[in-house]
């Protein structure tokens, strides 16, 4: 199993979640976050905004579903055809174990 953490623009959150669900990936955790990327924030005149609002979408999936999930997120979180700075990042990490709290059962 792997955990996918996708940081996306807030206006892309709902479409990414809808498309993940349409692709069969219904379970996700979403958190509104702030941060900055390589560009160190956005500068308007003399004011620098270095805490840019984003949405963090987290889901745990089976290893074999990684490419499908990545494809959905990248296609629907991207701004325009080419994408733009600030579209986000996707982090993949292994997940050794998963348990359902109510039943104590292991696995997805």
C-alpha atoms as a PDB file:
ATOM      1  CA  UNK A   1       0.000   0.000   0.000  1.00  0.00           C
ATOM      2  CA  UNK A   2       1.068   3.558  -0.569  1.00  0.00           C
ATOM      3  CA  UNK A   3      -0.038   6.936   0.692  1.00  0.00           C
ATOM      4  CA  UNK A   4      -0.570   9.684  -1.858  1.00  0.00           C
ATOM      5  CA  UNK A   5      -0.425  13.255  -0.604  1.00  0.00           C
ATOM      6  CA  UNK A   6      -1.422  15.796  -3.239  1.00  0.00           C
ATOM      7  CA  UNK A   7      -1.140  19.508  -2.584  1.00  0.00           C
ATOM      8  CA  UNK A   8      -3.394  21.309  -5.069  1.00  0.00           C
ATOM      9  CA  UNK A   9      -4.928  24.721  -5.640  1.00  0.00           C
ATOM     10  CA  UNK A  10      -8.120  25.123  -3.559  1.00  0.00           C
ATOM     11  CA  UNK A  11     -10.180  25.759  -6.702  1.00  0.00           C
ATOM     12  CA  UNK A  12      -9.043  22.367  -8.085  1.00  0.00           C
ATOM     13  CA  UNK A  13      -9.863  20.368  -4.931  1.00  0.00           C
ATOM     14  CA  UNK A  14     -13.468  19.459  -5.762  1.00  0.00           C
ATOM     15  CA  UNK A  15     -12.805  18.432  -9.363  1.00  0.00           C
ATOM     16  CA  UNK A  16      -9.839  16.264  -8.279  1.00  0.00           C
ATOM     17  CA  UNK A  17     -11.952  14.591  -5.567  1.00  0.00           C
ATOM     18  CA  UNK A  18     -14.870  14.062  -7.980  1.00  0.00           C
ATOM     19  CA  UNK A  19     -12.594  12.540 -10.625  1.00  0.00           C
ATOM     20  CA  UNK A  20     -10.850  10.296  -8.071  1.00  0.00           C
ATOM     21  CA  UNK A  21     -14.258   9.078  -6.921  1.00  0.00           C
ATOM     22  CA  UNK A  22     -15.359   8.488 -10.537  1.00  0.00           C
ATOM     23  CA  UNK A  23     -12.209   6.403 -11.010  1.00  0.00           C
ATOM     24  CA  UNK A  24     -13.134   4.264  -7.986  1.00  0.00           C
ATOM     25  CA  UNK A  25     -11.023   5.984  -5.326  1.00  0.00           C
ATOM     26  CA  UNK A  26     -13.677   7.233  -2.921  1.00  0.00           C
ATOM     27  CA  UNK A  27     -11.783   7.407   0.369  1.00  0.00           C
ATOM     28  CA  UNK A  28      -9.747  10.567   0.934  1.00  0.00           C
ATOM     29  CA  UNK A  29      -8.845  12.999   3.666  1.00  0.00           C
ATOM     30  CA  UNK A  30      -8.761  16.694   2.785  1.00  0.00           C
ATOM     31  CA  UNK A  31      -7.121  19.464   4.790  1.00  0.00           C
ATOM     32  CA  UNK A  32      -6.903  23.151   3.936  1.00  0.00           C
ATOM     33  CA  UNK A  33      -3.269  24.208   4.332  1.00  0.00           C
ATOM     34  CA  UNK A  34      -1.003  27.168   3.593  1.00  0.00           C
ATOM     35  CA  UNK A  35       2.552  27.185   2.353  1.00  0.00           C
ATOM     36  CA  UNK A  36       4.915  28.195  -0.365  1.00  0.00           C
ATOM     37  CA  UNK A  37       6.879  26.464  -3.072  1.00  0.00           C
ATOM     38  CA  UNK A  38      10.145  27.080  -4.858  1.00  0.00           C
ATOM     39  CA  UNK A  39       9.021  30.537  -5.942  1.00  0.00           C
ATOM     40  CA  UNK A  40       9.025  31.632  -2.250  1.00  0.00           C
ATOM     41  CA  UNK A  41       5.533  33.076  -2.372  1.00  0.00           C
ATOM     42  CA  UNK A  42       3.949  35.738  -4.537  1.00  0.00           C
ATOM     43  CA  UNK A  43       5.002  39.390  -4.670  1.00  0.00           C
ATOM     44  CA  UNK A  44       2.536  42.191  -5.466  1.00  0.00           C
ATOM     45  CA  UNK A  45       4.308  45.531  -5.391  1.00  0.00           C
ATOM     46  CA  UNK A  46       6.191  45.683  -2.114  1.00  0.00           C
ATOM     47  CA  UNK A  47       4.069  43.006  -0.419  1.00  0.00           C
ATOM     48  CA  UNK A  48       5.164  39.355  -0.377  1.00  0.00           C
ATOM     49  CA  UNK A  49       2.539  36.680   0.302  1.00  0.00           C
ATOM     50  CA  UNK A  50       4.444  33.604   1.443  1.00  0.00           C
ATOM     51  CA  UNK A  51       1.532  31.670   2.918  1.00  0.00           C
ATOM     52  CA  UNK A  52      -0.450  30.654  -0.141  1.00  0.00           C
ATOM     53  CA  UNK A  53      -3.710  28.708   0.469  1.00  0.00           C
ATOM     54  CA  UNK A  54      -3.699  25.122  -0.844  1.00  0.00           C
ATOM     55  CA  UNK A  55      -5.620  21.906  -0.261  1.00  0.00           C
ATOM     56  CA  UNK A  56      -3.961  18.678   0.842  1.00  0.00           C
ATOM     57  CA  UNK A  57      -5.653  15.510  -0.409  1.00  0.00           C
ATOM     58  CA  UNK A  58      -4.471  12.264   1.203  1.00  0.00           C
ATOM     59  CA  UNK A  59      -5.411   8.729   0.252  1.00  0.00           C
ATOM     60  CA  UNK A  60      -4.012   5.257   0.809  1.00  0.00           C
ATOM     61  CA  UNK A  61      -4.213   2.927  -2.167  1.00  0.00           C
ATOM     62  CA  UNK A  62      -2.905  -0.403  -3.342  1.00  0.00           C
ATOM     63  CA  UNK A  63       0.486  -0.234  -5.081  1.00  0.00           C
ATOM     64  CA  UNK A  64      -0.954  -1.267  -8.438  1.00  0.00           C
ATOM     65  CA  UNK A  65      -3.323   1.742  -8.449  1.00  0.00           C
ATOM     66  CA  UNK A  66      -0.541   4.338  -8.222  1.00  0.00           C
ATOM     67  CA  UNK A  67      -0.349   5.237 -11.927  1.00  0.00           C
ATOM     68  CA  UNK A  68      -4.133   5.568 -12.235  1.00  0.00           C
ATOM     69  CA  UNK A  69      -4.339   7.884  -9.213  1.00  0.00           C
ATOM     70  CA  UNK A  70      -1.371   9.970 -10.371  1.00  0.00           C
ATOM     71  CA  UNK A  71      -2.924  10.348 -13.809  1.00  0.00           C
ATOM     72  CA  UNK A  72      -6.233  11.569 -12.370  1.00  0.00           C
ATOM     73  CA  UNK A  73      -4.598  14.071 -10.029  1.00  0.00           C
ATOM     74  CA  UNK A  74      -2.158  15.463 -12.588  1.00  0.00           C
ATOM     75  CA  UNK A  75      -4.802  15.825 -15.312  1.00  0.00           C
ATOM     76  CA  UNK A  76      -7.323  17.576 -13.097  1.00  0.00           C
ATOM     77  CA  UNK A  77      -5.119  19.629 -10.755  1.00  0.00           C
ATOM     78  CA  UNK A  78      -3.145  21.220 -13.586  1.00  0.00           C
ATOM     79  CA  UNK A  79      -3.957  24.776 -14.661  1.00  0.00           C
ATOM     80  CA  UNK A  80      -4.561  24.823 -18.415  1.00  0.00           C
ATOM     81  CA  UNK A  81      -2.833  22.446 -20.826  1.00  0.00           C
ATOM     82  CA  UNK A  82       0.706  23.317 -19.801  1.00  0.00           C
ATOM     83  CA  UNK A  83       0.258  23.816 -16.076  1.00  0.00           C
ATOM     84  CA  UNK A  84       1.631  26.722 -14.046  1.00  0.00           C
ATOM     85  CA  UNK A  85       3.772  27.497 -11.019  1.00  0.00           C
ATOM     86  CA  UNK A  86       1.740  26.846  -7.901  1.00  0.00           C
ATOM     87  CA  UNK A  87      -0.288  23.939  -9.298  1.00  0.00           C
ATOM     88  CA  UNK A  88       1.041  21.773  -6.470  1.00  0.00           C
ATOM     89  CA  UNK A  89       3.054  18.676  -5.650  1.00  0.00           C
ATOM     90  CA  UNK A  90       2.340  14.975  -5.195  1.00  0.00           C
ATOM     91  CA  UNK A  91       4.194  12.938  -2.590  1.00  0.00           C
ATOM     92  CA  UNK A  92       4.198   9.132  -2.570  1.00  0.00           C
ATOM     93  CA  UNK A  93       5.268   7.073   0.443  1.00  0.00           C
ATOM     94  CA  UNK A  94       4.921   3.472   1.474  1.00  0.00           C
ATOM     95  CA  UNK A  95       2.335   2.512   4.080  1.00  0.00           C
ATOM     96  CA  UNK A  96       3.132  -0.603   6.056  1.00  0.00           C
ATOM     97  CA  UNK A  97      -0.196  -1.153   7.772  1.00  0.00           C
ATOM     98  CA  UNK A  98      -3.749   0.205   7.803  1.00  0.00           C
ATOM     99  CA  UNK A  99      -6.452  -0.543  10.391  1.00  0.00           C
ATOM    100  CA  UNK A 100     -10.108   0.397  10.575  1.00  0.00           C
ATOM    101  CA  UNK A 101     -10.711   1.949  13.987  1.00  0.00           C
ATOM    102  CA  UNK A 102     -14.274   0.673  14.498  1.00  0.00           C
ATOM    103  CA  UNK A 103     -13.496  -2.978  13.764  1.00  0.00           C
ATOM    104  CA  UNK A 104      -9.750  -3.224  14.285  1.00  0.00           C
ATOM    105  CA  UNK A 105      -9.530  -5.038  10.937  1.00  0.00           C
ATOM    106  CA  UNK A 106      -6.281  -4.631   9.006  1.00  0.00           C
ATOM    107  CA  UNK A 107      -6.143  -3.611   5.337  1.00  0.00           C
ATOM    108  CA  UNK A 108      -8.015  -1.310   3.016  1.00  0.00           C
END
